[in-house]
N, C-alpha and C. Protein backbone atom coordinates (compact mmCIF):
# COMPACT_ATOMS: atom_id res chain seq x y z
N MET A 1 -151.06 -100.98 -71.82
CA MET A 1 -149.98 -101.62 -72.56
C MET A 1 -149.89 -103.10 -72.14
N VAL A 2 -149.92 -103.97 -73.11
CA VAL A 2 -149.82 -105.40 -72.86
C VAL A 2 -148.36 -105.82 -73.04
N MET A 3 -147.87 -106.61 -72.08
CA MET A 3 -146.47 -107.03 -72.17
C MET A 3 -146.32 -108.22 -73.11
N ASN A 4 -145.18 -108.31 -73.75
CA ASN A 4 -144.87 -109.45 -74.61
C ASN A 4 -144.40 -110.59 -73.71
N MET A 5 -145.05 -111.71 -73.82
CA MET A 5 -144.71 -112.87 -72.99
C MET A 5 -143.80 -113.81 -73.77
N LYS A 6 -142.67 -113.27 -74.27
CA LYS A 6 -141.79 -114.08 -75.11
C LYS A 6 -141.22 -115.28 -74.37
N ARG A 7 -141.16 -115.23 -73.07
CA ARG A 7 -140.62 -116.36 -72.33
C ARG A 7 -141.54 -117.58 -72.40
N ILE A 8 -142.82 -117.34 -72.56
CA ILE A 8 -143.73 -118.48 -72.74
C ILE A 8 -143.31 -119.24 -73.99
N ARG A 9 -143.08 -118.52 -75.06
CA ARG A 9 -142.67 -119.16 -76.31
C ARG A 9 -141.32 -119.87 -76.15
N GLU A 10 -140.36 -119.18 -75.53
CA GLU A 10 -139.03 -119.79 -75.33
C GLU A 10 -139.13 -121.08 -74.52
N LEU A 11 -139.88 -121.04 -73.44
CA LEU A 11 -140.03 -122.22 -72.60
C LEU A 11 -140.77 -123.34 -73.32
N ARG A 12 -141.82 -122.96 -74.04
CA ARG A 12 -142.59 -123.95 -74.79
C ARG A 12 -141.72 -124.63 -75.84
N GLU A 13 -140.96 -123.83 -76.59
CA GLU A 13 -140.10 -124.39 -77.63
C GLU A 13 -138.97 -125.23 -77.04
N SER A 14 -138.45 -124.82 -75.88
CA SER A 14 -137.37 -125.61 -75.25
C SER A 14 -137.88 -126.98 -74.80
N LYS A 15 -139.18 -127.08 -74.50
CA LYS A 15 -139.80 -128.37 -74.15
C LYS A 15 -140.20 -129.14 -75.40
N GLY A 16 -140.13 -128.48 -76.55
CA GLY A 16 -140.49 -129.13 -77.80
C GLY A 16 -141.98 -129.41 -77.94
N ILE A 17 -142.80 -128.50 -77.41
CA ILE A 17 -144.24 -128.70 -77.54
C ILE A 17 -144.88 -127.56 -78.32
N SER A 18 -145.96 -127.88 -78.98
CA SER A 18 -146.68 -126.90 -79.79
C SER A 18 -147.57 -126.03 -78.90
N GLN A 19 -148.03 -124.94 -79.49
CA GLN A 19 -149.00 -124.10 -78.79
C GLN A 19 -150.24 -124.91 -78.46
N GLN A 20 -150.65 -125.75 -79.38
CA GLN A 20 -151.85 -126.55 -79.18
C GLN A 20 -151.70 -127.52 -78.00
N LYS A 21 -150.54 -128.16 -77.90
CA LYS A 21 -150.31 -129.09 -76.80
C LYS A 21 -150.27 -128.35 -75.46
N LEU A 22 -149.60 -127.19 -75.42
CA LEU A 22 -149.56 -126.40 -74.20
C LEU A 22 -150.97 -125.96 -73.82
N ALA A 23 -151.72 -125.52 -74.80
CA ALA A 23 -153.10 -125.09 -74.54
C ALA A 23 -153.92 -126.23 -73.94
N ALA A 24 -153.76 -127.42 -74.48
CA ALA A 24 -154.50 -128.57 -73.96
C ALA A 24 -154.10 -128.86 -72.51
N GLN A 25 -152.81 -128.74 -72.20
CA GLN A 25 -152.34 -128.98 -70.84
C GLN A 25 -152.91 -127.97 -69.85
N LEU A 26 -153.16 -126.75 -70.34
CA LEU A 26 -153.63 -125.67 -69.47
C LEU A 26 -155.14 -125.44 -69.58
N ASN A 27 -155.79 -126.26 -70.41
CA ASN A 27 -157.23 -126.18 -70.59
C ASN A 27 -157.69 -124.84 -71.15
N VAL A 28 -156.94 -124.36 -72.14
CA VAL A 28 -157.31 -123.14 -72.88
C VAL A 28 -157.18 -123.46 -74.37
N THR A 29 -157.51 -122.50 -75.21
CA THR A 29 -157.37 -122.72 -76.65
C THR A 29 -155.97 -122.34 -77.12
N GLN A 30 -155.62 -122.83 -78.29
CA GLN A 30 -154.33 -122.49 -78.90
C GLN A 30 -154.27 -120.99 -79.17
N ALA A 31 -155.41 -120.39 -79.50
CA ALA A 31 -155.45 -118.95 -79.76
C ALA A 31 -155.05 -118.15 -78.52
N VAL A 32 -155.43 -118.63 -77.36
CA VAL A 32 -155.07 -117.94 -76.10
C VAL A 32 -153.55 -117.94 -75.95
N ILE A 33 -152.93 -119.09 -76.16
CA ILE A 33 -151.46 -119.18 -76.04
C ILE A 33 -150.80 -118.27 -77.07
N SER A 34 -151.30 -118.28 -78.30
CA SER A 34 -150.75 -117.42 -79.35
C SER A 34 -150.84 -115.95 -78.95
N LYS A 35 -151.97 -115.54 -78.39
CA LYS A 35 -152.13 -114.14 -77.98
C LYS A 35 -151.16 -113.77 -76.85
N TYR A 36 -150.92 -114.70 -75.94
CA TYR A 36 -149.93 -114.44 -74.88
C TYR A 36 -148.56 -114.23 -75.49
N GLU A 37 -148.18 -115.14 -76.39
CA GLU A 37 -146.84 -115.08 -76.97
C GLU A 37 -146.64 -113.85 -77.84
N LEU A 38 -147.68 -113.39 -78.48
CA LEU A 38 -147.58 -112.21 -79.33
C LEU A 38 -147.77 -110.90 -78.58
N GLY A 39 -148.18 -110.99 -77.32
CA GLY A 39 -148.40 -109.79 -76.54
C GLY A 39 -149.73 -109.12 -76.82
N VAL A 40 -150.65 -109.84 -77.44
CA VAL A 40 -151.97 -109.31 -77.71
C VAL A 40 -152.81 -109.28 -76.44
N SER A 41 -152.62 -110.27 -75.58
CA SER A 41 -153.28 -110.29 -74.28
C SER A 41 -152.32 -110.86 -73.24
N GLU A 42 -152.66 -110.64 -71.98
CA GLU A 42 -151.81 -111.10 -70.88
C GLU A 42 -152.53 -112.18 -70.08
N PRO A 43 -151.77 -113.15 -69.58
CA PRO A 43 -152.39 -114.13 -68.69
C PRO A 43 -152.74 -113.50 -67.36
N ASP A 44 -153.81 -113.96 -66.74
CA ASP A 44 -154.16 -113.48 -65.41
C ASP A 44 -153.27 -114.18 -64.38
N ILE A 45 -153.42 -113.81 -63.14
CA ILE A 45 -152.56 -114.35 -62.08
C ILE A 45 -152.67 -115.86 -61.99
N ALA A 46 -153.89 -116.38 -62.09
CA ALA A 46 -154.07 -117.84 -62.01
C ALA A 46 -153.33 -118.54 -63.15
N MET A 47 -153.38 -117.96 -64.35
CA MET A 47 -152.70 -118.56 -65.50
C MET A 47 -151.19 -118.44 -65.36
N ILE A 48 -150.71 -117.35 -64.82
CA ILE A 48 -149.27 -117.20 -64.58
C ILE A 48 -148.80 -118.29 -63.63
N GLN A 49 -149.60 -118.56 -62.60
CA GLN A 49 -149.25 -119.63 -61.66
C GLN A 49 -149.22 -120.98 -62.37
N LEU A 50 -150.20 -121.25 -63.22
CA LEU A 50 -150.23 -122.52 -63.96
C LEU A 50 -149.03 -122.65 -64.89
N LEU A 51 -148.73 -121.57 -65.61
CA LEU A 51 -147.59 -121.58 -66.52
C LEU A 51 -146.28 -121.79 -65.77
N SER A 52 -146.13 -121.09 -64.66
CA SER A 52 -144.91 -121.22 -63.85
C SER A 52 -144.74 -122.66 -63.36
N LYS A 53 -145.83 -123.24 -62.89
CA LYS A 53 -145.79 -124.61 -62.39
C LYS A 53 -145.51 -125.59 -63.54
N PHE A 54 -146.18 -125.40 -64.66
CA PHE A 54 -145.99 -126.28 -65.81
C PHE A 54 -144.54 -126.29 -66.28
N PHE A 55 -143.95 -125.10 -66.38
CA PHE A 55 -142.58 -124.99 -66.89
C PHE A 55 -141.52 -125.13 -65.80
N GLY A 56 -141.94 -125.10 -64.55
CA GLY A 56 -140.98 -125.22 -63.46
C GLY A 56 -140.10 -124.00 -63.29
N VAL A 57 -140.68 -122.84 -63.50
CA VAL A 57 -139.93 -121.59 -63.35
C VAL A 57 -140.70 -120.67 -62.42
N SER A 58 -140.02 -119.65 -61.93
CA SER A 58 -140.69 -118.67 -61.07
C SER A 58 -141.57 -117.75 -61.92
N SER A 59 -142.57 -117.19 -61.30
CA SER A 59 -143.41 -116.21 -62.01
C SER A 59 -142.59 -114.98 -62.36
N ASP A 60 -141.61 -114.62 -61.53
CA ASP A 60 -140.74 -113.49 -61.85
C ASP A 60 -139.98 -113.72 -63.15
N TYR A 61 -139.53 -114.95 -63.37
CA TYR A 61 -138.83 -115.28 -64.62
C TYR A 61 -139.81 -115.17 -65.79
N LEU A 62 -140.97 -115.74 -65.63
CA LEU A 62 -141.97 -115.73 -66.69
C LEU A 62 -142.34 -114.30 -67.08
N LEU A 63 -142.44 -113.42 -66.10
CA LEU A 63 -142.82 -112.03 -66.34
C LEU A 63 -141.64 -111.12 -66.68
N GLU A 64 -140.45 -111.72 -66.79
CA GLU A 64 -139.22 -111.00 -67.12
C GLU A 64 -138.83 -109.97 -66.06
N ILE A 65 -139.23 -110.25 -64.83
CA ILE A 65 -138.80 -109.42 -63.71
C ILE A 65 -137.40 -109.85 -63.29
N SER A 66 -137.11 -111.13 -63.48
CA SER A 66 -135.83 -111.71 -63.11
C SER A 66 -135.36 -112.65 -64.21
N ASP A 67 -134.05 -112.81 -64.31
CA ASP A 67 -133.49 -113.78 -65.25
C ASP A 67 -133.24 -115.13 -64.58
N ASP A 68 -133.56 -115.22 -63.30
CA ASP A 68 -133.40 -116.47 -62.56
C ASP A 68 -134.66 -117.31 -62.73
N LYS A 69 -134.49 -118.49 -63.30
CA LYS A 69 -135.66 -119.34 -63.55
C LYS A 69 -136.30 -119.83 -62.25
N ILE A 70 -135.51 -120.01 -61.24
CA ILE A 70 -136.02 -120.52 -59.98
C ILE A 70 -135.74 -119.50 -58.89
N SER A 71 -136.75 -119.18 -58.12
CA SER A 71 -136.53 -118.29 -56.99
C SER A 71 -136.44 -119.14 -55.73
N LEU A 72 -135.59 -118.74 -54.86
CA LEU A 72 -135.40 -119.48 -53.62
C LEU A 72 -136.17 -118.82 -52.49
N PRO A 73 -136.98 -119.57 -51.81
CA PRO A 73 -137.69 -118.96 -50.68
C PRO A 73 -136.70 -118.62 -49.57
N ALA A 74 -136.82 -117.44 -49.05
CA ALA A 74 -135.89 -117.01 -48.01
C ALA A 74 -136.22 -117.66 -46.67
N ALA A 75 -137.46 -118.08 -46.51
CA ALA A 75 -137.86 -118.69 -45.24
C ALA A 75 -137.10 -119.99 -45.02
N GLY A 76 -136.59 -120.12 -43.83
CA GLY A 76 -135.91 -121.37 -43.48
C GLY A 76 -134.42 -121.36 -43.78
N LEU A 77 -133.91 -120.34 -44.45
CA LEU A 77 -132.48 -120.26 -44.74
C LEU A 77 -131.82 -119.32 -43.74
N SER A 78 -130.67 -119.74 -43.25
CA SER A 78 -129.91 -118.87 -42.36
C SER A 78 -129.25 -117.77 -43.20
N GLU A 79 -128.75 -116.76 -42.54
CA GLU A 79 -128.06 -115.68 -43.26
C GLU A 79 -126.83 -116.21 -43.99
N LYS A 80 -126.11 -117.15 -43.36
CA LYS A 80 -124.93 -117.74 -44.01
C LYS A 80 -125.33 -118.48 -45.27
N GLU A 81 -126.43 -119.23 -45.22
CA GLU A 81 -126.90 -119.97 -46.39
C GLU A 81 -127.30 -119.01 -47.51
N LYS A 82 -127.98 -117.94 -47.16
CA LYS A 82 -128.37 -116.93 -48.15
C LYS A 82 -127.13 -116.31 -48.79
N ASP A 83 -126.14 -115.97 -47.96
CA ASP A 83 -124.90 -115.38 -48.47
C ASP A 83 -124.21 -116.31 -49.46
N ILE A 84 -124.18 -117.59 -49.12
CA ILE A 84 -123.53 -118.57 -50.00
C ILE A 84 -124.28 -118.68 -51.32
N LEU A 85 -125.60 -118.78 -51.26
CA LEU A 85 -126.39 -118.91 -52.49
C LEU A 85 -126.28 -117.70 -53.38
N PHE A 86 -126.39 -116.51 -52.79
CA PHE A 86 -126.31 -115.32 -53.61
C PHE A 86 -124.88 -115.03 -54.07
N GLY A 87 -123.91 -115.46 -53.29
CA GLY A 87 -122.52 -115.36 -53.74
C GLY A 87 -122.26 -116.26 -54.93
N PHE A 88 -122.80 -117.46 -54.87
CA PHE A 88 -122.65 -118.42 -55.97
C PHE A 88 -123.21 -117.85 -57.26
N LYS A 89 -124.32 -117.16 -57.17
CA LYS A 89 -124.95 -116.59 -58.36
C LYS A 89 -124.08 -115.53 -59.04
N ARG A 90 -123.20 -114.92 -58.28
CA ARG A 90 -122.34 -113.87 -58.85
C ARG A 90 -121.08 -114.42 -59.50
N LEU A 91 -120.79 -115.70 -59.32
CA LEU A 91 -119.59 -116.30 -59.89
C LEU A 91 -119.76 -116.55 -61.38
N ASN A 92 -118.61 -116.56 -62.09
CA ASN A 92 -118.68 -116.95 -63.50
C ASN A 92 -118.71 -118.48 -63.58
N ASP A 93 -118.89 -119.02 -64.77
CA ASP A 93 -119.06 -120.47 -64.93
C ASP A 93 -117.85 -121.27 -64.44
N VAL A 94 -116.65 -120.78 -64.70
CA VAL A 94 -115.43 -121.49 -64.27
C VAL A 94 -115.35 -121.50 -62.74
N GLN A 95 -115.64 -120.38 -62.13
CA GLN A 95 -115.62 -120.30 -60.67
C GLN A 95 -116.68 -121.21 -60.05
N LYS A 96 -117.83 -121.28 -60.67
CA LYS A 96 -118.89 -122.15 -60.17
C LYS A 96 -118.46 -123.62 -60.23
N GLU A 97 -117.84 -124.01 -61.32
CA GLU A 97 -117.36 -125.39 -61.45
C GLU A 97 -116.31 -125.72 -60.39
N LYS A 98 -115.40 -124.79 -60.14
CA LYS A 98 -114.38 -125.00 -59.11
C LYS A 98 -115.01 -125.15 -57.73
N LEU A 99 -115.97 -124.29 -57.44
CA LEU A 99 -116.64 -124.34 -56.15
C LEU A 99 -117.42 -125.64 -55.98
N GLN A 100 -118.09 -126.07 -57.04
CA GLN A 100 -118.84 -127.32 -56.97
C GLN A 100 -117.90 -128.50 -56.74
N ALA A 101 -116.75 -128.51 -57.40
CA ALA A 101 -115.77 -129.59 -57.21
C ALA A 101 -115.24 -129.57 -55.78
N TYR A 102 -114.97 -128.39 -55.26
CA TYR A 102 -114.49 -128.26 -53.88
C TYR A 102 -115.54 -128.77 -52.90
N LEU A 103 -116.80 -128.40 -53.12
CA LEU A 103 -117.88 -128.83 -52.26
C LEU A 103 -118.03 -130.36 -52.29
N LYS A 104 -117.93 -130.95 -53.45
CA LYS A 104 -118.01 -132.41 -53.56
C LYS A 104 -116.89 -133.05 -52.74
N GLY A 105 -115.70 -132.47 -52.83
CA GLY A 105 -114.58 -132.98 -52.03
C GLY A 105 -114.83 -132.89 -50.56
N LEU A 106 -115.34 -131.77 -50.11
CA LEU A 106 -115.66 -131.59 -48.69
C LEU A 106 -116.70 -132.59 -48.22
N LEU A 107 -117.69 -132.85 -49.04
CA LEU A 107 -118.76 -133.76 -48.65
C LEU A 107 -118.31 -135.20 -48.61
N GLN A 108 -117.23 -135.53 -49.31
CA GLN A 108 -116.72 -136.89 -49.32
C GLN A 108 -115.80 -137.17 -48.13
N GLU A 109 -115.37 -136.13 -47.44
CA GLU A 109 -114.45 -136.30 -46.30
C GLU A 109 -115.12 -137.00 -45.17
C-alpha cells in the first residue's frame, strides 16, 4: 500500500510553486512529484529528507505521523524546558498569546 503524500502538495502550494519548479529544486522530474502527491509512489528516505529540508518541516509532519511541522530535539533541553514547550503546545490560541505577552514582559524586566 502506497501512502498519499498530500502534505507535499499542501506545502508546495503554500509556497506558491509548481510541481515542475519543486522537481527542478530536487533534481527529479515533474512526474515524480505528481506520483508522490497522488500516492502512486512514495519518496525514499533520502527524498523525504530533501523534502523536509526544502519545506522546513519535520519528516514526521511530511509523513503525517505528526501534525507538528517542526520537531524539537530533546537533546540539550532540561526537563523543565521540555515541560514548558510541551505545555505550551497544549494551550489554545488565546492562552498562547497571553503566555507570550507575559514572557515578553518578564524578559523586559
